[in-house]
């Protein structure tokens, strides 16, 4: 999923570099999909012409290229280059995406959310700030629908940027923390009531627990016996399911606009300085708690292994990674974080990891209907991995809290 964004003189060089990253960092299935996409590029090369891109008509018609990039599992993403589009610049670039309408059924609500968030970030950062901005269609719409029912959208391109699936070192975690903290700070005065709930009850862990219990009781695929130990442990920690939800309902934790997909891949870094530039992918921005984003970031970045590592003995909660991210995050949210959020912030990681364990195990019991799998035991392996991570967090929860307290002073 690592993608470089550089201005280059030679499009062939660009293709070669992107392909090199694909070979080393994108799974085989992603490479095969990219190959498939390459075969259809001639078909979609006319799609960018439906958006308000810069350049003369001749340049758009004759000097436009479309390159498949990334290894995303939801939307298909392409880099659009228009050569010699502006005086003094050799390439004008954009990001084009085909939206997966199976995942996002209500495109109007999705794109309206993204547009509102983008506009607010522009107010905070100015016209030269780093953030995603929608390129409207020629008809001034937020997305374009082709005759084949495919739905497309276009964003600005952020040059000289790179993203990582895993942090090369602690400095990147600190920078990622700063990026998500700044994202939260920039949106602190943007009302969550203005956004649609594109995924209802996404972090309602109480409802996730109810669904999990029903899946255990029904046991439609006779799988519960294989995970009895995991089921028992989750039940022993069932108080976690209502922890954040109850605090929000009681008004102790403020409702905020949250990202809800706070992983490292959604942070763009400067390819030269390694400083974080911005957070991208606003598809799941909606009402939530600061604890959700902080928790999901820690869950994904402080695990020393991939979340489907079979050897559970390798799964370790990395308190140093936690400390790096937390230091950067709190530096940015310091002016707006409440006392209650400070007190319970570390529980965000614990609760969201508990929730993700529930989700993987529920899907395993339901016959693998949501998460893509490579083998029949895949979701069971993922659940055991997250469960081990959860145990590591619970063992160090006091240290986690002290880290928050230290960086809040």
Protein backbone atom coordinates (compact mmCIF):
# COMPACT_ATOMS: atom_id res chain seq x y z
CA UNK A 1 0.00 0.00 0.00
CA UNK A 2 3.00 2.30 0.10
CA UNK A 3 2.69 4.91 -2.62
CA UNK A 4 5.09 7.66 -3.62
CA UNK A 5 3.87 10.95 -5.04
CA UNK A 6 6.67 12.75 -6.87
CA UNK A 7 6.76 15.13 -9.82
CA UNK A 8 8.78 13.36 -12.51
CA UNK A 9 9.95 14.21 -15.98
CA UNK A 10 9.47 10.76 -17.38
CA UNK A 11 6.19 8.88 -17.07
CA UNK A 12 7.97 5.59 -17.76
CA UNK A 13 10.14 6.19 -14.71
CA UNK A 14 7.01 6.86 -12.68
CA UNK A 15 5.43 3.59 -13.74
CA UNK A 16 8.63 1.71 -12.95
CA UNK A 17 8.89 3.21 -9.47
CA UNK A 18 5.25 2.54 -8.68
CA UNK A 19 5.60 -1.01 -9.92
CA UNK A 20 8.70 -1.52 -7.77
CA UNK A 21 6.76 -0.46 -4.68
CA UNK A 22 3.92 -2.75 -5.71
CA UNK A 23 6.18 -5.79 -6.04
CA UNK A 24 7.75 -5.31 -2.62
CA UNK A 25 4.87 -4.00 -0.56
CA UNK A 26 1.56 -5.06 -2.12
CA UNK A 27 0.23 -8.64 -1.74
CA UNK A 28 0.07 -10.84 -4.82
CA UNK A 29 -3.69 -10.39 -5.00
CA UNK A 30 -3.12 -6.63 -5.15
CA UNK A 31 -0.58 -6.98 -7.96
CA UNK A 32 -2.97 -9.16 -9.94
CA UNK A 33 -5.71 -6.59 -9.45
CA UNK A 34 -3.36 -3.85 -10.60
CA UNK A 35 -2.57 -5.87 -13.71
CA UNK A 36 -6.29 -6.23 -14.34
CA UNK A 37 -6.73 -2.48 -13.85
CA UNK A 38 -3.90 -1.78 -16.29
CA UNK A 39 -5.80 -3.70 -18.98
CA UNK A 40 -8.79 -1.39 -18.48
CA UNK A 41 -6.89 1.90 -18.40
CA UNK A 42 -7.69 2.61 -22.03
CA UNK A 43 -11.37 2.34 -21.13
CA UNK A 44 -11.18 4.77 -18.21
CA UNK A 45 -8.75 7.32 -19.66
CA UNK A 46 -11.73 9.42 -20.70
CA UNK A 47 -13.15 9.54 -17.16
CA UNK A 48 -10.90 12.41 -15.95
CA UNK A 49 -12.25 14.60 -18.74
CA UNK A 50 -15.54 14.76 -16.84
CA UNK A 51 -13.88 16.67 -13.99
CA UNK A 52 -12.64 20.23 -13.70
CA UNK A 53 -8.98 19.52 -14.31
CA UNK A 54 -6.48 22.12 -15.51
CA UNK A 55 -4.94 22.22 -18.93
CA UNK A 56 -5.89 23.05 -22.46
CA UNK A 57 -8.27 20.81 -24.37
CA UNK A 58 -5.35 19.62 -26.50
CA UNK A 59 -3.32 18.71 -23.41
CA UNK A 60 -6.27 16.88 -21.87
CA UNK A 61 -6.88 14.92 -25.05
CA UNK A 62 -3.28 14.13 -25.99
CA UNK A 63 -1.08 14.43 -22.88
CA UNK A 64 -3.14 12.67 -20.24
CA UNK A 65 -2.09 9.41 -18.57
CA UNK A 66 -3.83 7.20 -16.00
CA UNK A 67 -1.82 4.87 -13.76
CA UNK A 68 -3.28 2.35 -11.29
CA UNK A 69 -1.78 2.90 -7.84
CA UNK A 70 -2.08 1.39 -4.36
CA UNK A 71 -3.42 -1.92 -3.15
CA UNK A 72 -6.67 -0.83 -1.51
CA UNK A 73 -9.35 -3.42 -0.96
CA UNK A 74 -12.36 -1.10 -1.28
CA UNK A 75 -11.96 1.57 -3.95
CA UNK A 76 -9.89 1.44 -7.16
CA UNK A 77 -7.38 4.29 -7.19
CA UNK A 78 -5.54 5.89 -10.13
CA UNK A 79 -2.99 8.65 -10.58
CA UNK A 80 -3.95 11.05 -13.38
CA UNK A 81 -1.15 13.09 -14.98
CA UNK A 82 -1.55 15.89 -17.49
CA UNK A 83 1.81 16.82 -18.97
CA UNK A 84 2.75 20.45 -19.67
CA UNK A 85 -0.56 21.54 -18.23
CA UNK A 86 0.68 24.71 -16.57
CA UNK A 87 3.52 27.11 -17.38
CA UNK A 88 6.57 26.27 -15.28
CA UNK A 89 5.21 22.86 -14.30
CA UNK A 90 5.70 19.71 -16.27
CA UNK A 91 2.93 17.66 -14.67
CA UNK A 92 -0.48 18.49 -13.23
CA UNK A 93 -1.63 15.52 -11.16
CA UNK A 94 -4.87 14.29 -9.56
CA UNK A 95 -6.13 11.21 -7.75
CA UNK A 96 -9.06 9.43 -9.38
CA UNK A 97 -11.13 6.80 -7.57
CA UNK A 98 -13.85 4.41 -8.57
CA UNK A 99 -16.11 4.14 -5.50
CA UNK A 100 -17.17 0.71 -4.31
CA UNK A 101 -20.94 1.12 -4.18
CA UNK A 102 -21.34 -2.24 -2.44
CA UNK A 103 -19.62 -0.73 0.60
CA UNK A 104 -20.90 2.83 0.20
CA UNK A 105 -24.50 2.61 -0.93
CA UNK A 106 -25.45 6.26 -0.34
CA UNK A 107 -22.91 8.16 -2.42
CA UNK A 108 -24.56 11.54 -1.85
CA UNK A 109 -24.22 11.28 1.93
CA UNK A 110 -20.66 9.94 1.67
CA UNK A 111 -19.45 12.73 -0.60
CA UNK A 112 -21.30 15.45 1.28
CA UNK A 113 -19.53 14.39 4.48
CA UNK A 114 -16.14 14.46 2.76
CA UNK A 115 -16.85 17.85 1.18
CA UNK A 116 -17.86 19.41 4.51
CA UNK A 117 -14.79 18.06 6.29
CA UNK A 118 -12.50 19.19 3.45
CA UNK A 119 -13.96 22.69 3.42
CA UNK A 120 -13.54 23.03 7.18
CA UNK A 121 -9.91 21.88 6.96
CA UNK A 122 -9.36 24.48 4.24
CA UNK A 123 -10.69 27.19 6.57
CA UNK A 124 -8.22 26.04 9.22
CA UNK A 125 -5.18 25.57 7.02
CA UNK A 126 -5.63 28.02 4.16
CA UNK A 127 -5.54 27.38 0.43
CA UNK A 128 -1.95 26.12 0.59
CA UNK A 129 -2.53 23.66 3.44
CA UNK A 130 -2.25 19.90 3.09
CA UNK A 131 -5.64 18.15 3.07
CA UNK A 132 -7.88 16.32 0.63
CA UNK A 133 -10.02 18.51 -1.58
CA UNK A 134 -12.68 17.28 -3.98
CA UNK A 135 -12.26 18.19 -7.65
CA UNK A 136 -15.83 18.82 -8.88
CA UNK A 137 -17.24 17.49 -12.11
CA UNK A 138 -17.86 19.71 -15.13
CA UNK A 139 -21.44 19.87 -13.89
CA UNK A 140 -20.26 21.04 -10.42
CA UNK A 141 -21.14 17.76 -8.74
CA UNK A 142 -19.05 15.93 -6.14
CA UNK A 143 -18.94 12.69 -8.14
CA UNK A 144 -19.54 11.44 -11.66
CA UNK A 145 -21.58 8.43 -12.69
CA UNK A 146 -20.79 6.78 -16.02
CA UNK A 147 -23.16 4.98 -18.35
CA UNK A 148 -21.88 1.67 -16.98
CA UNK A 149 -23.10 2.71 -13.48
CA UNK A 150 -19.54 3.09 -12.16
CA UNK A 151 -19.24 6.02 -9.75
CA UNK A 152 -16.09 8.14 -9.82
CA UNK A 153 -14.60 10.93 -7.75
CA UNK A 154 -11.44 12.99 -7.98
CA UNK A 155 -9.17 14.58 -5.36
CA UNK A 156 -6.22 16.90 -5.40
CA UNK A 157 -2.82 15.25 -5.55
CA UNK A 158 -0.35 15.88 -2.70
CA UNK A 159 3.15 15.85 -4.23
CA UNK A 160 6.32 14.38 -2.76
CA UNK A 161 4.35 12.29 -0.24
CA UNK A 162 4.60 8.70 0.86
CA UNK A 163 2.58 6.36 3.10
CA UNK A 164 3.68 3.28 5.03
CA UNK A 165 1.93 0.07 6.13
CA UNK A 166 4.37 -0.18 9.06
CA UNK A 167 6.35 2.57 10.78
CA UNK A 168 10.09 2.44 9.98
CA UNK A 169 10.88 3.79 13.45
CA UNK A 170 9.46 5.65 16.43
CA UNK A 171 9.77 9.07 14.80
CA UNK A 172 7.17 8.06 12.24
CA UNK A 173 4.79 7.05 15.04
CA UNK A 174 5.33 10.41 16.72
CA UNK A 175 4.60 12.16 13.42
CA UNK A 176 1.51 9.99 12.87
CA UNK A 177 0.31 10.96 16.33
CA UNK A 178 0.81 14.62 15.45
CA UNK A 179 -1.11 14.15 12.20
CA UNK A 180 -4.16 12.56 13.84
CA UNK A 181 -3.95 15.01 16.74
CA UNK A 182 -3.94 17.97 14.35
CA UNK A 183 -6.82 16.44 12.41
CA UNK A 184 -8.81 16.23 15.65
CA UNK A 185 -7.82 19.74 16.70
CA UNK A 186 -8.73 21.25 13.33
CA UNK A 187 -12.20 19.70 13.55
CA UNK A 188 -12.86 20.46 17.24
CA UNK A 189 -15.16 23.38 16.35
CA UNK A 190 -16.97 21.55 13.53
CA UNK A 191 -20.32 20.18 14.70
CA UNK A 192 -20.69 16.41 14.37
CA UNK A 193 -24.43 16.98 13.76
CA UNK A 194 -23.60 18.27 10.27
CA UNK A 195 -22.40 14.82 9.13
CA UNK A 196 -24.43 11.83 8.05
CA UNK A 197 -23.94 8.56 9.90
CA UNK A 198 -22.65 6.62 6.90
CA UNK A 199 -22.02 3.46 8.96
CA UNK A 200 -24.59 3.29 11.79
CA UNK A 201 -23.31 2.15 15.21
CA UNK A 202 -19.81 1.66 13.85
CA UNK A 203 -18.18 1.94 17.30
CA UNK A 204 -21.22 1.01 19.38
CA UNK A 205 -19.39 -1.75 21.24
CA UNK A 206 -22.51 -2.62 23.28
CA UNK A 207 -24.36 -3.54 20.10
CA UNK A 208 -21.29 -5.39 18.82
CA UNK A 209 -21.41 -7.45 22.04
CA UNK A 210 -25.10 -8.25 21.54
CA UNK A 211 -24.45 -9.40 17.96
CA UNK A 212 -21.52 -11.51 19.16
CA UNK A 213 -23.61 -13.23 21.83
CA UNK A 214 -26.35 -14.04 19.34
CA UNK A 215 -23.76 -15.51 16.96
CA UNK A 216 -22.48 -17.70 19.81
CA UNK A 217 -25.98 -18.84 20.76
CA UNK A 218 -27.03 -19.59 17.18
CA UNK A 219 -23.69 -21.22 16.22
CA UNK A 220 -24.98 -21.76 12.69
CA UNK A 221 -21.70 -23.19 11.42
CA UNK A 222 -20.82 -25.30 14.49
CA UNK A 223 -17.68 -23.29 15.12
CA UNK A 224 -18.18 -22.12 18.71
CA UNK A 225 -16.48 -25.21 20.14
CA UNK A 226 -13.24 -24.21 18.40
CA UNK A 227 -13.15 -20.85 20.18
CA UNK A 228 -14.64 -21.62 23.59
CA UNK A 229 -11.62 -20.21 25.37
CA UNK A 230 -11.82 -16.94 23.44
CA UNK A 231 -15.57 -16.65 24.03
CA UNK A 232 -15.09 -17.14 27.78
CA UNK A 233 -12.37 -14.51 27.96
CA UNK A 234 -14.42 -11.92 26.09
CA UNK A 235 -17.35 -12.56 28.41
CA UNK A 236 -15.04 -12.05 31.39
CA UNK A 237 -14.20 -8.59 30.01
CA UNK A 238 -17.72 -7.75 28.85
CA UNK A 239 -17.77 -4.58 30.98
CA UNK A 240 -15.50 -3.03 28.34
CA UNK A 241 -18.33 -3.14 25.79
CA UNK A 242 -20.30 -0.37 27.49
CA UNK A 243 -17.36 1.67 28.78
CA UNK A 244 -17.04 4.41 26.14
CA UNK A 245 -20.67 4.29 24.97
CA UNK A 246 -21.98 4.91 28.49
CA UNK A 247 -19.54 7.76 29.12
CA UNK A 248 -20.70 9.42 25.90
CA UNK A 249 -24.38 8.90 26.69
CA UNK A 250 -23.83 10.37 30.15
CA UNK A 251 -22.25 13.45 28.61
CA UNK A 252 -18.87 12.86 30.25
CA UNK A 253 -17.12 12.42 26.90
CA UNK A 254 -17.89 15.02 24.21
CA UNK A 255 -19.06 13.95 20.79
CA UNK A 256 -16.63 15.02 18.10
CA UNK A 257 -16.08 14.60 14.39
CA UNK A 258 -13.76 11.60 14.18
CA UNK A 259 -11.87 9.89 11.36
CA UNK A 260 -12.80 6.29 12.32
CA UNK A 261 -10.07 4.65 10.24
CA UNK A 262 -7.00 5.87 12.09
CA UNK A 263 -4.29 3.64 10.67
CA UNK A 264 -0.76 4.48 9.58
CA UNK A 265 -1.54 4.04 5.87
CA UNK A 266 -3.88 7.03 6.08
CA UNK A 267 -1.06 9.40 7.02
CA UNK A 268 0.97 10.99 4.22
CA UNK A 269 4.60 11.77 5.03
CA UNK A 270 6.97 14.12 3.26
CA UNK A 271 9.19 11.82 1.20
CA UNK A 272 12.19 14.08 1.82
CA UNK A 273 11.89 15.15 5.47
CA UNK A 274 9.78 12.24 6.83
CA UNK A 275 7.50 14.76 8.54
CA UNK A 276 3.77 14.02 8.54
CA UNK A 277 1.90 16.13 5.99
CA UNK A 278 -1.71 15.24 6.62
CA UNK A 279 -4.34 12.59 7.23
CA UNK A 280 -6.26 11.28 4.19
CA UNK A 281 -9.29 9.08 3.48
CA UNK A 282 -12.33 10.86 4.93
CA UNK A 283 -14.81 8.14 3.94
CA UNK A 284 -15.72 7.23 7.53
CA UNK A 285 -15.67 10.70 9.09
CA UNK A 286 -18.71 11.01 11.35
CA UNK A 287 -19.75 11.57 14.96
CA UNK A 288 -17.72 9.77 17.60
CA UNK A 289 -15.30 10.11 20.48
CA UNK A 290 -11.67 11.15 20.54
CA UNK A 291 -11.08 7.79 22.22
CA UNK A 292 -12.17 5.96 19.05
CA UNK A 293 -9.46 7.40 16.80
CA UNK A 294 -6.74 7.31 19.45
CA UNK A 295 -7.70 3.73 20.32
CA UNK A 296 -7.80 2.44 16.76
CA UNK A 297 -4.46 4.09 15.99
CA UNK A 298 -2.82 2.39 18.97
CA UNK A 299 -4.47 -0.93 18.13
CA UNK A 300 -3.05 -0.87 14.62
CA UNK A 301 0.33 0.78 15.28
CA UNK A 302 1.43 -0.71 18.63
CA UNK A 303 1.12 -4.35 17.60
CA UNK A 304 4.56 -5.79 16.81
CA UNK A 305 3.09 -8.17 14.23
CA UNK A 306 0.47 -8.18 11.48
CA UNK A 307 -3.06 -8.71 12.78
CA UNK A 308 -3.25 -12.14 11.14
CA UNK A 309 0.05 -13.50 12.51
CA UNK A 310 -0.50 -17.21 13.22
CA UNK A 311 2.21 -17.48 15.89
CA UNK A 312 0.47 -15.78 18.81
CA UNK A 313 3.70 -15.79 20.83
CA UNK A 314 4.94 -13.06 18.48
CA UNK A 315 2.05 -10.75 19.32
CA UNK A 316 3.26 -8.12 21.75
CA UNK A 317 1.82 -4.79 22.80
CA UNK A 318 4.60 -2.31 22.09
CA UNK A 319 4.51 0.25 24.91
CA UNK A 320 7.29 2.24 23.24
CA UNK A 321 5.23 2.61 20.06
CA UNK A 322 2.31 3.67 22.26
CA UNK A 323 4.48 6.31 23.90
CA UNK A 324 5.74 7.73 20.59
CA UNK A 325 2.24 8.08 19.14
CA UNK A 326 0.72 9.40 22.37
CA UNK A 327 3.38 12.12 22.70
CA UNK A 328 2.70 13.41 19.19
CA UNK A 329 -1.08 13.14 19.51
CA UNK A 330 -1.32 15.00 22.82
CA UNK A 331 0.97 17.76 21.60
CA UNK A 332 -1.66 18.70 19.00
CA UNK A 333 -4.91 18.16 20.96
CA UNK A 334 -3.63 19.81 24.16
CA UNK A 335 -5.73 23.00 23.68
CA UNK A 336 -9.04 21.11 23.28
CA UNK A 337 -8.81 17.79 25.16
CA UNK A 338 -11.07 17.64 28.24
CA UNK A 339 -10.12 16.31 31.68
CA UNK A 340 -12.38 13.30 31.15
CA UNK A 341 -10.75 12.53 27.80
CA UNK A 342 -7.33 12.70 29.45
CA UNK A 343 -8.47 10.36 32.20
CA UNK A 344 -9.92 7.73 29.87
CA UNK A 345 -7.86 8.19 26.69
CA UNK A 346 -5.79 5.03 27.24
CA UNK A 347 -9.00 3.01 27.58
CA UNK A 348 -9.75 3.93 23.97
CA UNK A 349 -7.03 1.51 22.86
CA UNK A 350 -8.29 -1.22 25.18
CA UNK A 351 -11.95 -0.90 24.19
CA UNK A 352 -11.32 -0.65 20.44
CA UNK A 353 -9.04 -3.71 20.56
CA UNK A 354 -11.75 -5.54 22.50
CA UNK A 355 -14.26 -4.44 19.85
CA UNK A 356 -12.07 -5.60 16.97
CA UNK A 357 -11.68 -8.99 18.64
CA UNK A 358 -15.46 -9.20 18.88
CA UNK A 359 -15.83 -8.32 15.21
CA UNK A 360 -13.35 -10.93 13.97
CA UNK A 361 -14.76 -13.66 16.19
CA UNK A 362 -18.36 -12.76 15.31
CA UNK A 363 -17.55 -12.99 11.61
CA UNK A 364 -15.89 -16.36 12.16
CA UNK A 365 -19.03 -17.65 13.91
CA UNK A 366 -21.28 -16.23 11.17
CA UNK A 367 -19.38 -17.98 8.39
CA UNK A 368 -17.03 -15.15 7.30
CA UNK A 369 -19.57 -12.81 5.73
CA UNK A 370 -17.83 -9.45 6.24
CA UNK A 371 -14.03 -9.64 6.31
CA UNK A 372 -12.20 -11.12 3.34
CA UNK A 373 -10.40 -14.35 4.21
CA UNK A 374 -7.56 -16.40 2.75
CA UNK A 375 -8.43 -19.59 4.67
CA UNK A 376 -11.30 -20.91 6.79
CA UNK A 377 -9.49 -20.09 10.03
CA UNK A 378 -8.47 -16.58 9.00
CA UNK A 379 -10.94 -14.68 11.19
CA UNK A 380 -10.26 -17.01 14.10
CA UNK A 381 -6.54 -16.28 13.75
CA UNK A 382 -7.23 -12.55 13.59
CA UNK A 383 -9.42 -12.76 16.69
CA UNK A 384 -6.77 -14.65 18.66
CA UNK A 385 -4.17 -12.13 17.57
CA UNK A 386 -6.26 -9.19 18.76
CA UNK A 387 -7.14 -10.99 21.97
CA UNK A 388 -3.46 -11.41 22.78
CA UNK A 389 -2.90 -7.73 22.05
CA UNK A 390 -5.80 -6.88 24.35
CA UNK A 391 -4.25 -8.92 27.17
CA UNK A 392 -0.97 -7.06 26.66
CA UNK A 393 -2.75 -3.72 26.95
CA UNK A 394 -4.64 -4.73 30.08
CA UNK A 395 -1.37 -5.82 31.69
CA UNK A 396 0.11 -2.37 31.01
CA UNK A 397 -2.95 -0.16 31.43
CA UNK A 398 -1.45 1.69 34.39
CA UNK A 399 1.68 2.48 32.40
CA UNK A 400 -0.50 3.58 29.49
CA UNK A 401 -2.37 6.01 31.75
CA UNK A 402 0.87 7.40 33.21
CA UNK A 403 2.14 8.10 29.69
CA UNK A 404 -0.98 10.16 28.96
CA UNK A 405 -0.60 11.99 32.27
CA UNK A 406 3.10 12.68 31.56
CA UNK A 407 2.48 14.19 28.13
CA UNK A 408 -0.49 16.24 29.32
CA UNK A 409 1.67 18.15 31.80
